[in-house]
Amino acid sequence: MQIEVLKSKIHRVKVTQADLNYIGSITIDEDLMDAVDIIENERVHIFDINNGERFDTYVIKGERGSGIIGVNGAAARKVQVDDYLIIVSYARVDFEEAKKHQAAIIFPTDENKPQ
């Protein structure tokens, strides 16, 4: 049997841009992606702490060290610049492996830098 478990979590990262006219997705600073083992095109779930919105999309790699968190396309209507988000991804693993699994979790600085 396989179950779905938390794989990666970026907790309380600040939206730096919301671009309605860009192709849908979320742009994430590559340093943050590396810190939690998220890759480009991976499906992520987004939770807006400020307004309670929840949606999922895929990741676009942002410039390393830029601190960018850009919500793009239709999802840009669900956030505002300076909102705080939680970004998570999940993985399907064998039940026994899941008992030992450790998710990668970070709590970025106010400048969206990994700690």
PDB file of N, CA and C in Angstrom:
ATOM      1  N   MET A   1       0.843  -1.180   0.000  1.00  0.00           N
ATOM      2  CA  MET A   1       0.000   0.000   0.000  1.00  0.00           C
ATOM      3  C   MET A   1       0.887   1.243   0.000  1.00  0.00           C
ATOM      4  N   GLN A   2       0.453   2.248  -0.722  1.00  0.00           N
ATOM      5  CA  GLN A   2       1.134   3.533  -0.708  1.00  0.00           C
ATOM      6  C   GLN A   2       0.204   4.583  -0.118  1.00  0.00           C
ATOM      7  N   ILE A   3       0.810   5.550   0.561  1.00  0.00           N
ATOM      8  CA  ILE A   3       0.045   6.675   1.092  1.00  0.00           C
ATOM      9  C   ILE A   3       0.742   7.975   0.702  1.00  0.00           C
ATOM     10  N   GLU A   4       0.008   9.064   0.774  1.00  0.00           N
ATOM     11  CA  GLU A   4       0.556  10.371   0.441  1.00  0.00           C
ATOM     12  C   GLU A   4       1.000  11.059   1.725  1.00  0.00           C
ATOM     13  N   VAL A   5       2.240  11.559   1.729  1.00  0.00           N
ATOM     14  CA  VAL A   5       2.789  12.241   2.897  1.00  0.00           C
ATOM     15  C   VAL A   5       3.358  13.595   2.481  1.00  0.00           C
ATOM     16  N   LEU A   6       3.510  14.465   3.460  1.00  0.00           N
ATOM     17  CA  LEU A   6       4.146  15.758   3.207  1.00  0.00           C
ATOM     18  C   LEU A   6       5.589  15.526   2.782  1.00  0.00           C
ATOM     19  N   LYS A   7       5.981  16.110   1.649  1.00  0.00           N
ATOM     20  CA  LYS A   7       7.354  16.004   1.153  1.00  0.00           C
ATOM     21  C   LYS A   7       8.142  17.267   1.463  1.00  0.00           C
ATOM     22  N   SER A   8       7.542  18.426   1.148  1.00  0.00           N
ATOM     23  CA  SER A   8       8.243  19.705   1.256  1.00  0.00           C
ATOM     24  C   SER A   8       7.293  20.781   1.760  1.00  0.00           C
ATOM     25  N   LYS A   9       7.848  21.704   2.559  1.00  0.00           N
ATOM     26  CA  LYS A   9       7.018  22.807   3.058  1.00  0.00           C
ATOM     27  C   LYS A   9       7.875  24.062   3.209  1.00  0.00           C
ATOM     28  N   ILE A  10       7.413  25.143   2.574  1.00  0.00           N
ATOM     29  CA  ILE A  10       7.982  26.474   2.779  1.00  0.00           C
ATOM     30  C   ILE A  10       6.934  27.227   3.586  1.00  0.00           C
ATOM     31  N   HIS A  11       7.233  27.516   4.846  1.00  0.00           N
ATOM     32  CA  HIS A  11       6.239  28.075   5.756  1.00  0.00           C
ATOM     33  C   HIS A  11       6.438  29.582   5.913  1.00  0.00           C
ATOM     34  N   ARG A  12       5.422  30.360   5.568  1.00  0.00           N
ATOM     35  CA  ARG A  12       5.406  31.817   5.695  1.00  0.00           C
ATOM     36  C   ARG A  12       6.427  32.508   4.798  1.00  0.00           C
ATOM     37  N   VAL A  13       6.170  32.423   3.518  1.00  0.00           N
ATOM     38  CA  VAL A  13       6.975  33.132   2.542  1.00  0.00           C
ATOM     39  C   VAL A  13       6.113  34.254   1.963  1.00  0.00           C
ATOM     40  N   LYS A  14       6.732  35.389   1.673  1.00  0.00           N
ATOM     41  CA  LYS A  14       5.979  36.579   1.257  1.00  0.00           C
ATOM     42  C   LYS A  14       5.848  36.678  -0.256  1.00  0.00           C
ATOM     43  N   VAL A  15       4.634  36.955  -0.735  1.00  0.00           N
ATOM     44  CA  VAL A  15       4.392  37.176  -2.163  1.00  0.00           C
ATOM     45  C   VAL A  15       5.076  38.479  -2.574  1.00  0.00           C
ATOM     46  N   THR A  16       5.910  38.401  -3.622  1.00  0.00           N
ATOM     47  CA  THR A  16       6.603  39.592  -4.116  1.00  0.00           C
ATOM     48  C   THR A  16       6.001  40.122  -5.404  1.00  0.00           C
ATOM     49  N   GLN A  17       5.248  39.280  -6.107  1.00  0.00           N
ATOM     50  CA  GLN A  17       4.561  39.750  -7.312  1.00  0.00           C
ATOM     51  C   GLN A  17       3.354  38.869  -7.586  1.00  0.00           C
ATOM     52  N   ALA A  18       2.357  39.460  -8.226  1.00  0.00           N
ATOM     53  CA  ALA A  18       1.155  38.746  -8.677  1.00  0.00           C
ATOM     54  C   ALA A  18       0.868  39.261 -10.084  1.00  0.00           C
ATOM     55  N   ASP A  19       1.006  38.378 -11.071  1.00  0.00           N
ATOM     56  CA  ASP A  19       0.925  38.780 -12.471  1.00  0.00           C
ATOM     57  C   ASP A  19      -0.197  38.017 -13.168  1.00  0.00           C
ATOM     58  N   LEU A  20      -1.345  38.649 -13.298  1.00  0.00           N
ATOM     59  CA  LEU A  20      -2.521  38.040 -13.901  1.00  0.00           C
ATOM     60  C   LEU A  20      -2.284  37.633 -15.353  1.00  0.00           C
ATOM     61  N   ASN A  21      -1.463  38.369 -16.078  1.00  0.00           N
ATOM     62  CA  ASN A  21      -1.274  38.132 -17.507  1.00  0.00           C
ATOM     63  C   ASN A  21      -0.150  37.167 -17.844  1.00  0.00           C
ATOM     64  N   TYR A  22       0.503  36.612 -16.835  1.00  0.00           N
ATOM     65  CA  TYR A  22       1.569  35.636 -17.072  1.00  0.00           C
ATOM     66  C   TYR A  22       0.966  34.243 -17.109  1.00  0.00           C
ATOM     67  N   ILE A  23       1.649  33.307 -17.752  1.00  0.00           N
ATOM     68  CA  ILE A  23       1.176  31.917 -17.786  1.00  0.00           C
ATOM     69  C   ILE A  23       1.031  31.419 -16.349  1.00  0.00           C
ATOM     70  N   GLY A  24      -0.004  30.649 -16.075  1.00  0.00           N
ATOM     71  CA  GLY A  24      -0.267  30.172 -14.718  1.00  0.00           C
ATOM     72  C   GLY A  24       0.879  29.415 -14.103  1.00  0.00           C
ATOM     73  N   SER A  25       1.072  29.580 -12.806  1.00  0.00           N
ATOM     74  CA  SER A  25       2.095  28.884 -12.039  1.00  0.00           C
ATOM     75  C   SER A  25       2.501  29.730 -10.848  1.00  0.00           C
ATOM     76  N   ILE A  26       3.513  29.258 -10.116  1.00  0.00           N
ATOM     77  CA  ILE A  26       4.141  30.066  -9.071  1.00  0.00           C
ATOM     78  C   ILE A  26       5.639  30.067  -9.316  1.00  0.00           C
ATOM     79  N   THR A  27       6.230  31.239  -9.323  1.00  0.00           N
ATOM     80  CA  THR A  27       7.669  31.379  -9.478  1.00  0.00           C
ATOM     81  C   THR A  27       8.282  31.432  -8.082  1.00  0.00           C
ATOM     82  N   ILE A  28       9.267  30.552  -7.840  1.00  0.00           N
ATOM     83  CA  ILE A  28       9.895  30.448  -6.521  1.00  0.00           C
ATOM     84  C   ILE A  28      11.410  30.581  -6.686  1.00  0.00           C
ATOM     85  N   ASP A  29      12.018  31.422  -5.856  1.00  0.00           N
ATOM     86  CA  ASP A  29      13.471  31.565  -5.813  1.00  0.00           C
ATOM     87  C   ASP A  29      14.106  30.173  -5.745  1.00  0.00           C
ATOM     88  N   GLU A  30      15.073  29.930  -6.612  1.00  0.00           N
ATOM     89  CA  GLU A  30      15.710  28.617  -6.685  1.00  0.00           C
ATOM     90  C   GLU A  30      16.376  28.205  -5.368  1.00  0.00           C
ATOM     91  N   ASP A  31      16.854  29.163  -4.575  1.00  0.00           N
ATOM     92  CA  ASP A  31      17.430  28.826  -3.270  1.00  0.00           C
ATOM     93  C   ASP A  31      16.382  28.185  -2.352  1.00  0.00           C
ATOM     94  N   LEU A  32      15.157  28.729  -2.376  1.00  0.00           N
ATOM     95  CA  LEU A  32      14.078  28.152  -1.571  1.00  0.00           C
ATOM     96  C   LEU A  32      13.701  26.769  -2.084  1.00  0.00           C
ATOM     97  N   MET A  33      13.657  26.623  -3.411  1.00  0.00           N
ATOM     98  CA  MET A  33      13.339  25.320  -4.002  1.00  0.00           C
ATOM     99  C   MET A  33      14.352  24.269  -3.553  1.00  0.00           C
ATOM    100  N   ASP A  34      15.629  24.605  -3.649  1.00  0.00           N
ATOM    101  CA  ASP A  34      16.684  23.670  -3.253  1.00  0.00           C
ATOM    102  C   ASP A  34      16.594  23.297  -1.775  1.00  0.00           C
ATOM    103  N   ALA A  35      16.242  24.263  -0.951  1.00  0.00           N
ATOM    104  CA  ALA A  35      16.204  24.034   0.493  1.00  0.00           C
ATOM    105  C   ALA A  35      15.180  22.979   0.902  1.00  0.00           C
ATOM    106  N   VAL A  36      14.139  22.795   0.065  1.00  0.00           N
ATOM    107  CA  VAL A  36      13.093  21.818   0.406  1.00  0.00           C
ATOM    108  C   VAL A  36      12.894  20.767  -0.679  1.00  0.00           C
ATOM    109  N   ASP A  37      13.850  20.663  -1.599  1.00  0.00           N
ATOM    110  CA  ASP A  37      13.800  19.639  -2.649  1.00  0.00           C
ATOM    111  C   ASP A  37      12.551  19.711  -3.523  1.00  0.00           C
ATOM    112  N   ILE A  38      12.167  20.920  -3.890  1.00  0.00           N
ATOM    113  CA  ILE A  38      11.101  21.116  -4.879  1.00  0.00           C
ATOM    114  C   ILE A  38      11.778  21.375  -6.217  1.00  0.00           C
ATOM    115  N   ILE A  39      11.238  20.786  -7.293  1.00  0.00           N
ATOM    116  CA  ILE A  39      11.829  20.980  -8.615  1.00  0.00           C
ATOM    117  C   ILE A  39      10.855  21.714  -9.538  1.00  0.00           C
ATOM    118  N   GLU A  40      11.417  22.252 -10.615  1.00  0.00           N
ATOM    119  CA  GLU A  40      10.600  22.952 -11.594  1.00  0.00           C
ATOM    120  C   GLU A  40       9.533  22.012 -12.153  1.00  0.00           C
ATOM    121  N   ASN A  41       8.347  22.542 -12.341  1.00  0.00           N
ATOM    122  CA  ASN A  41       7.166  21.828 -12.847  1.00  0.00           C
ATOM    123  C   ASN A  41       6.498  20.923 -11.817  1.00  0.00           C
ATOM    124  N   GLU A  42       7.038  20.848 -10.613  1.00  0.00           N
ATOM    125  CA  GLU A  42       6.399  20.032  -9.572  1.00  0.00           C
ATOM    126  C   GLU A  42       5.081  20.675  -9.142  1.00  0.00           C
ATOM    127  N   ARG A  43       4.090  19.838  -8.886  1.00  0.00           N
ATOM    128  CA  ARG A  43       2.806  20.323  -8.391  1.00  0.00           C
ATOM    129  C   ARG A  43       2.952  20.720  -6.924  1.00  0.00           C
ATOM    130  N   VAL A  44       2.434  21.905  -6.587  1.00  0.00           N
ATOM    131  CA  VAL A  44       2.451  22.387  -5.208  1.00  0.00           C
ATOM    132  C   VAL A  44       1.068  22.896  -4.825  1.00  0.00           C
ATOM    133  N   HIS A  45       0.805  22.860  -3.550  1.00  0.00           N
ATOM    134  CA  HIS A  45      -0.418  23.416  -2.985  1.00  0.00           C
ATOM    135  C   HIS A  45      -0.036  24.702  -2.264  1.00  0.00           C
ATOM    136  N   ILE A  46      -0.856  25.723  -2.457  1.00  0.00           N
ATOM    137  CA  ILE A  46      -0.599  27.047  -1.905  1.00  0.00           C
ATOM    138  C   ILE A  46      -1.714  27.392  -0.921  1.00  0.00           C
ATOM    139  N   PHE A  47      -1.320  27.851   0.268  1.00  0.00           N
ATOM    140  CA  PHE A  47      -2.272  28.289   1.286  1.00  0.00           C
ATOM    141  C   PHE A  47      -1.927  29.732   1.638  1.00  0.00           C
ATOM    142  N   ASP A  48      -2.852  30.664   1.387  1.00  0.00           N
ATOM    143  CA  ASP A  48      -2.633  32.075   1.698  1.00  0.00           C
ATOM    144  C   ASP A  48      -3.035  32.308   3.142  1.00  0.00           C
ATOM    145  N   ILE A  49      -2.080  32.653   3.976  1.00  0.00           N
ATOM    146  CA  ILE A  49      -2.329  32.868   5.406  1.00  0.00           C
ATOM    147  C   ILE A  49      -3.206  34.089   5.627  1.00  0.00           C
ATOM    148  N   ASN A  50      -3.069  35.116   4.786  1.00  0.00           N
ATOM    149  CA  ASN A  50      -3.800  36.363   4.983  1.00  0.00           C
ATOM    150  C   ASN A  50      -5.290  36.250   4.691  1.00  0.00           C
ATOM    151  N   ASN A  51      -5.659  35.494   3.643  1.00  0.00           N
ATOM    152  CA  ASN A  51      -7.074  35.486   3.257  1.00  0.00           C
ATOM    153  C   ASN A  51      -7.707  34.101   3.230  1.00  0.00           C
ATOM    154  N   GLY A  52      -6.930  33.054   3.523  1.00  0.00           N
ATOM    155  CA  GLY A  52      -7.485  31.705   3.583  1.00  0.00           C
ATOM    156  C   GLY A  52      -7.629  31.001   2.251  1.00  0.00           C
ATOM    157  N   GLU A  53      -7.260  31.636   1.137  1.00  0.00           N
ATOM    158  CA  GLU A  53      -7.353  30.987  -0.178  1.00  0.00           C
ATOM    159  C   GLU A  53      -6.435  29.771  -0.225  1.00  0.00           C
ATOM    160  N   ARG A  54      -6.891  28.740  -0.941  1.00  0.00           N
ATOM    161  CA  ARG A  54      -6.119  27.520  -1.139  1.00  0.00           C
ATOM    162  C   ARG A  54      -6.235  27.130  -2.607  1.00  0.00           C
ATOM    163  N   PHE A  55      -5.107  26.832  -3.238  1.00  0.00           N
ATOM    164  CA  PHE A  55      -5.127  26.405  -4.636  1.00  0.00           C
ATOM    165  C   PHE A  55      -3.860  25.613  -4.915  1.00  0.00           C
ATOM    166  N   ASP A  56      -3.839  24.942  -6.062  1.00  0.00           N
ATOM    167  CA  ASP A  56      -2.625  24.238  -6.452  1.00  0.00           C
ATOM    168  C   ASP A  56      -2.221  24.684  -7.849  1.00  0.00           C
ATOM    169  N   THR A  57      -0.922  24.523  -8.114  1.00  0.00           N
ATOM    170  CA  THR A  57      -0.342  24.934  -9.384  1.00  0.00           C
ATOM    171  C   THR A  57       0.984  24.201  -9.555  1.00  0.00           C
ATOM    172  N   TYR A  58       1.794  24.639 -10.497  1.00  0.00           N
ATOM    173  CA  TYR A  58       3.107  24.041 -10.689  1.00  0.00           C
ATOM    174  C   TYR A  58       4.178  25.119 -10.540  1.00  0.00           C
ATOM    175  N   VAL A  59       5.407  24.678 -10.319  1.00  0.00           N
ATOM    176  CA  VAL A  59       6.504  25.587  -9.994  1.00  0.00           C
ATOM    177  C   VAL A  59       7.297  25.979 -11.231  1.00  0.00           C
ATOM    178  N   ILE A  60       7.624  27.269 -11.297  1.00  0.00           N
ATOM    179  CA  ILE A  60       8.602  27.798 -12.238  1.00  0.00           C
ATOM    180  C   ILE A  60       9.795  28.259 -11.412  1.00  0.00           C
ATOM    181  N   LYS A  61      10.979  27.919 -11.872  1.00  0.00           N
ATOM    182  CA  LYS A  61      12.203  28.286 -11.170  1.00  0.00           C
ATOM    183  C   LYS A  61      12.430  29.785 -11.274  1.00  0.00           C
ATOM    184  N   GLY A  62      12.596  30.437 -10.108  1.00  0.00           N
ATOM    185  CA  GLY A  62      12.894  31.865 -10.068  1.00  0.00           C
ATOM    186  C   GLY A  62      14.379  32.112  -9.894  1.00  0.00           C
ATOM    187  N   GLU A  63      14.795  33.319 -10.172  1.00  0.00           N
ATOM    188  CA  GLU A  63      16.209  33.677 -10.073  1.00  0.00           C
ATOM    189  C   GLU A  63      16.748  33.395  -8.677  1.00  0.00           C
ATOM    190  N   ARG A  64      17.861  32.668  -8.645  1.00  0.00           N
ATOM    191  CA  ARG A  64      18.498  32.298  -7.383  1.00  0.00           C
ATOM    192  C   ARG A  64      18.898  33.553  -6.597  1.00  0.00           C
ATOM    193  N   GLY A  65      18.527  33.580  -5.313  1.00  0.00           N
ATOM    194  CA  GLY A  65      18.896  34.686  -4.443  1.00  0.00           C
ATOM    195  C   GLY A  65      18.012  35.909  -4.558  1.00  0.00           C
ATOM    196  N   SER A  66      17.016  35.860  -5.433  1.00  0.00           N
ATOM    197  CA  SER A  66      16.161  37.032  -5.672  1.00  0.00           C
ATOM    198  C   SER A  66      15.070  37.199  -4.618  1.00  0.00           C
ATOM    199  N   GLY A  67      14.706  36.115  -3.937  1.00  0.00           N
ATOM    200  CA  GLY A  67      13.597  36.165  -2.988  1.00  0.00           C
ATOM    201  C   GLY A  67      12.230  36.174  -3.654  1.00  0.00           C
ATOM    202  N   ILE A  68      12.192  35.939  -4.959  1.00  0.00           N
ATOM    203  CA  ILE A  68      10.924  36.024  -5.677  1.00  0.00           C
ATOM    204  C   ILE A  68       9.952  34.917  -5.269  1.00  0.00           C
ATOM    205  N   ILE A  69       8.733  35.341  -5.029  1.00  0.00           N
ATOM    206  CA  ILE A  69       7.569  34.457  -4.921  1.00  0.00           C
ATOM    207  C   ILE A  69       6.503  35.138  -5.768  1.00  0.00           C
ATOM    208  N   GLY A  70       6.322  34.638  -6.983  1.00  0.00           N
ATOM    209  CA  GLY A  70       5.394  35.265  -7.917  1.00  0.00           C
ATOM    210  C   GLY A  70       4.237  34.340  -8.244  1.00  0.00           C
ATOM    211  N   VAL A  71       3.046  34.800  -7.947  1.00  0.00           N
ATOM    212  CA  VAL A  71       1.851  34.025  -8.271  1.00  0.00           C
ATOM    213  C   VAL A  71       1.328  34.541  -9.610  1.00  0.00           C
ATOM    214  N   ASN A  72       1.170  33.622 -10.547  1.00  0.00           N
ATOM    215  CA  ASN A  72       0.922  33.991 -11.939  1.00  0.00           C
ATOM    216  C   ASN A  72      -0.417  33.473 -12.450  1.00  0.00           C
ATOM    217  N   GLY A  73      -0.909  34.100 -13.504  1.00  0.00           N
ATOM    218  CA  GLY A  73      -2.135  33.659 -14.149  1.00  0.00           C
ATOM    219  C   GLY A  73      -3.350  33.899 -13.272  1.00  0.00           C
ATOM    220  N   ALA A  74      -4.378  33.070 -13.454  1.00  0.00           N
ATOM    221  CA  ALA A  74      -5.639  33.251 -12.737  1.00  0.00           C
ATOM    222  C   ALA A  74      -5.450  33.252 -11.223  1.00  0.00           C
ATOM    223  N   ALA A  75      -4.480  32.495 -10.722  1.00  0.00           N
ATOM    224  CA  ALA A  75      -4.239  32.428  -9.275  1.00  0.00           C
ATOM    225  C   ALA A  75      -3.810  33.780  -8.704  1.00  0.00           C
ATOM    226  N   ALA A  76      -3.326  34.685  -9.557  1.00  0.00           N
ATOM    227  CA  ALA A  76      -2.924  36.008  -9.087  1.00  0.00           C
ATOM    228  C   ALA A  76      -4.097  36.757  -8.465  1.00  0.00           C
ATOM    229  N   ARG A  77      -5.310  36.387  -8.834  1.00  0.00           N
ATOM    230  CA  ARG A  77      -6.496  37.015  -8.225  1.00  0.00           C
ATOM    231  C   ARG A  77      -6.726  36.538  -6.790  1.00  0.00           C
ATOM    232  N   LYS A  78      -6.074  35.459  -6.393  1.00  0.00           N
ATOM    233  CA  LYS A  78      -6.293  34.870  -5.078  1.00  0.00           C
ATOM    234  C   LYS A  78      -5.330  35.392  -4.013  1.00  0.00           C
ATOM    235  N   VAL A  79      -4.331  36.180  -4.427  1.00  0.00           N
ATOM    236  CA  VAL A  79      -3.327  36.695  -3.492  1.00  0.00           C
ATOM    237  C   VAL A  79      -3.097  38.170  -3.745  1.00  0.00           C
ATOM    238  N   GLN A  80      -2.407  38.791  -2.815  1.00  0.00           N
ATOM    239  CA  GLN A  80      -1.925  40.155  -3.003  1.00  0.00           C
ATOM    240  C   GLN A  80      -0.449  40.185  -2.647  1.00  0.00           C
ATOM    241  N   VAL A  81       0.285  41.089  -3.268  1.00  0.00           N
ATOM    242  CA  VAL A  81       1.680  41.282  -2.904  1.00  0.00           C
ATOM    243  C   VAL A  81       1.740  41.563  -1.404  1.00  0.00           C
ATOM    244  N   ASP A  82       2.703  40.962  -0.742  1.00  0.00           N
ATOM    245  CA  ASP A  82       2.958  41.026   0.702  1.00  0.00           C
ATOM    246  C   ASP A  82       2.119  40.043   1.514  1.00  0.00           C
ATOM    247  N   ASP A  83       1.191  39.296   0.886  1.00  0.00           N
ATOM    248  CA  ASP A  83       0.530  38.199   1.597  1.00  0.00           C
ATOM    249  C   ASP A  83       1.574  37.157   1.961  1.00  0.00           C
ATOM    250  N   TYR A  84       1.314  36.417   3.020  1.00  0.00           N
ATOM    251  CA  TYR A  84       2.178  35.299   3.404  1.00  0.00           C
ATOM    252  C   TYR A  84       1.538  33.993   2.958  1.00  0.00           C
ATOM    253  N   LEU A  85       2.367  33.115   2.394  1.00  0.00           N
ATOM    254  CA  LEU A  85       1.903  31.835   1.884  1.00  0.00           C
ATOM    255  C   LEU A  85       2.601  30.686   2.598  1.00  0.00           C
ATOM    256  N   ILE A  86       1.937  29.546   2.580  1.00  0.00           N
ATOM    257  CA  ILE A  86       2.555  28.263   2.890  1.00  0.00           C
ATOM    258  C   ILE A  86       2.521  27.488   1.577  1.00  0.00           C
ATOM    259  N   ILE A  87       3.665  26.962   1.170  1.00  0.00           N
ATOM    260  CA  ILE A  87       3.776  26.191  -0.070  1.00  0.00           C
ATOM    261  C   ILE A  87       4.167  24.770   0.307  1.00  0.00           C
ATOM    262  N   VAL A  88       3.369  23.793  -0.126  1.00  0.00           N
ATOM    263  CA  VAL A  88       3.658  22.404   0.226  1.00  0.00           C
ATOM    264  C   VAL A  88       3.584  21.502  -1.000  1.00  0.00           C
ATOM    265  N   SER A  89       4.321  20.404  -0.927  1.00  0.00           N
ATOM    266  CA  SER A  89       4.191  19.339  -1.914  1.00  0.00           C
ATOM    267  C   SER A  89       4.129  18.018  -1.164  1.00  0.00           C
ATOM    268  N   TYR A  90       3.572  17.036  -1.833  1.00  0.00           N
ATOM    269  CA  TYR A  90       3.367  15.719  -1.230  1.00  0.00           C
ATOM    270  C   TYR A  90       4.027  14.660  -2.094  1.00  0.00           C
ATOM    271  N   ALA A  91       4.261  13.494  -1.513  1.00  0.00           N
ATOM    272  CA  ALA A  91       4.821  12.363  -2.251  1.00  0.00           C
ATOM    273  C   ALA A  91       4.080  11.098  -1.861  1.00  0.00           C
ATOM    274  N   ARG A  92       3.942  10.184  -2.812  1.00  0.00           N
ATOM    275  CA  ARG A  92       3.378   8.866  -2.533  1.00  0.00           C
ATOM    276  C   ARG A  92       4.525   7.928  -2.192  1.00  0.00           C
ATOM    277  N   VAL A  93       4.435   7.309  -1.057  1.00  0.00           N
ATOM    278  CA  VAL A  93       5.482   6.387  -0.624  1.00  0.00           C
ATOM    279  C   VAL A  93       4.852   5.125  -0.052  1.00  0.00           C
ATOM    280  N   ASP A  94       5.650   4.084   0.005  1.00  0.00           N
ATOM    281  CA  ASP A  94       5.217   2.842   0.628  1.00  0.00           C
ATOM    282  C   ASP A  94       4.878   3.095   2.095  1.00  0.00           C
ATOM    283  N   PHE A  95       3.867   2.418   2.589  1.00  0.00           N
ATOM    284  CA  PHE A  95       3.384   2.625   3.950  1.00  0.00           C
ATOM    285  C   PHE A  95       4.512   2.507   4.983  1.00  0.00           C
ATOM    286  N   GLU A  96       5.343   1.494   4.872  1.00  0.00           N
ATOM    287  CA  GLU A  96       6.431   1.307   5.842  1.00  0.00           C
ATOM    288  C   GLU A  96       7.468   2.415   5.727  1.00  0.00           C
ATOM    289  N   GLU A  97       7.768   2.842   4.506  1.00  0.00           N
ATOM    290  CA  GLU A  97       8.700   3.952   4.307  1.00  0.00           C
ATOM    291  C   GLU A  97       8.135   5.240   4.902  1.00  0.00           C
ATOM    292  N   ALA A  98       6.839   5.421   4.784  1.00  0.00           N
ATOM    293  CA  ALA A  98       6.187   6.625   5.304  1.00  0.00           C
ATOM    294  C   ALA A  98       6.390   6.787   6.806  1.00  0.00           C
ATOM    295  N   LYS A  99       6.502   5.682   7.517  1.00  0.00           N
ATOM    296  CA  LYS A  99       6.698   5.747   8.970  1.00  0.00           C
ATOM    297  C   LYS A  99       8.034   6.384   9.330  1.00  0.00           C
ATOM    298  N   LYS A 100       9.006   6.314   8.422  1.00  0.00           N
ATOM    299  CA  LYS A 100      10.345   6.867   8.680  1.00  0.00           C
ATOM    300  C   LYS A 100      10.595   8.185   7.938  1.00  0.00           C
ATOM    301  N   HIS A 101       9.657   8.536   7.071  1.00  0.00           N
ATOM    302  CA  HIS A 101       9.845   9.706   6.205  1.00  0.00           C
ATOM    303  C   HIS A 101       9.951  10.995   7.017  1.00  0.00           C
ATOM    304  N   GLN A 102      10.880  11.861   6.617  1.00  0.00           N
ATOM    305  CA  GLN A 102      11.038  13.190   7.202  1.00  0.00           C
ATOM    306  C   GLN A 102      10.827  14.237   6.120  1.00  0.00           C
ATOM    307  N   ALA A 103       9.840  15.074   6.283  1.00  0.00           N
ATOM    308  CA  ALA A 103       9.585  16.145   5.317  1.00  0.00           C
ATOM    309  C   ALA A 103      10.665  17.219   5.429  1.00  0.00           C
ATOM    310  N   ALA A 104      10.951  17.885   4.318  1.00  0.00           N
ATOM    311  CA  ALA A 104      11.856  19.033   4.298  1.00  0.00           C
ATOM    312  C   ALA A 104      11.013  20.279   4.548  1.00  0.00           C
ATOM    313  N   ILE A 105      11.284  20.972   5.653  1.00  0.00           N
ATOM    314  CA  ILE A 105      10.499  22.146   6.053  1.00  0.00           C
ATOM    315  C   ILE A 105      11.447  23.295   6.361  1.00  0.00           C
ATOM    316  N   ILE A 106      11.125  24.479   5.813  1.00  0.00           N
ATOM    317  CA  ILE A 106      11.896  25.677   6.146  1.00  0.00           C
ATOM    318  C   ILE A 106      10.954  26.806   6.544  1.00  0.00           C
ATOM    319  N   PHE A 107      11.524  27.754   7.292  1.00  0.00           N
ATOM    320  CA  PHE A 107      10.824  28.950   7.745  1.00  0.00           C
ATOM    321  C   PHE A 107      11.652  30.142   7.264  1.00  0.00           C
ATOM    322  N   PRO A 108      11.366  30.638   6.045  1.00  0.00           N
ATOM    323  CA  PRO A 108      12.200  31.700   5.463  1.00  0.00           C
ATOM    324  C   PRO A 108      12.164  33.001   6.272  1.00  0.00           C
ATOM    325  N   THR A 109      13.181  33.822   6.025  1.00  0.00           N
ATOM    326  CA  THR A 109      13.236  35.158   6.616  1.00  0.00           C
ATOM    327  C   THR A 109      12.182  36.050   5.968  1.00  0.00           C
ATOM    328  N   ASP A 110      12.014  37.252   6.471  1.00  0.00           N
ATOM    329  CA  ASP A 110      11.079  38.210   5.873  1.00  0.00           C
ATOM    330  C   ASP A 110      11.490  38.612   4.463  1.00  0.00           C
ATOM    331  N   GLU A 111      12.744  38.362   4.100  1.00  0.00           N
ATOM    332  CA  GLU A 111      13.241  38.674   2.747  1.00  0.00           C
ATOM    333  C   GLU A 111      13.174  37.439   1.850  1.00  0.00           C
ATOM    334  N   ASN A 112      12.456  36.402   2.292  1.00  0.00           N
ATOM    335  CA  ASN A 112      12.314  35.145   1.526  1.00  0.00           C
ATOM    336  C   ASN A 112      13.642  34.433   1.297  1.00  0.00           C
ATOM    337  N   LYS A 113      14.478  34.447   2.304  1.00  0.00           N
ATOM    338  CA  LYS A 113      15.745  33.711   2.254  1.00  0.00           C
ATOM    339  C   LYS A 113      15.629  32.475   3.147  1.00  0.00           C
ATOM    340  N   PRO A 114      16.191  31.342   2.705  1.00  0.00           N
ATOM    341  CA  PRO A 114      16.144  30.150   3.554  1.00  0.00           C
ATOM    342  C   PRO A 114      16.930  30.384   4.839  1.00  0.00           C
ATOM    343  N   GLN A 115      16.502  29.723   5.910  1.00  0.00           N
ATOM    344  CA  GLN A 115      17.253  29.800   7.183  1.00  0.00           C
ATOM    345  C   GLN A 115      17.828  28.445   7.506  1.00  0.00           C
TER     346      GLN A 115
END
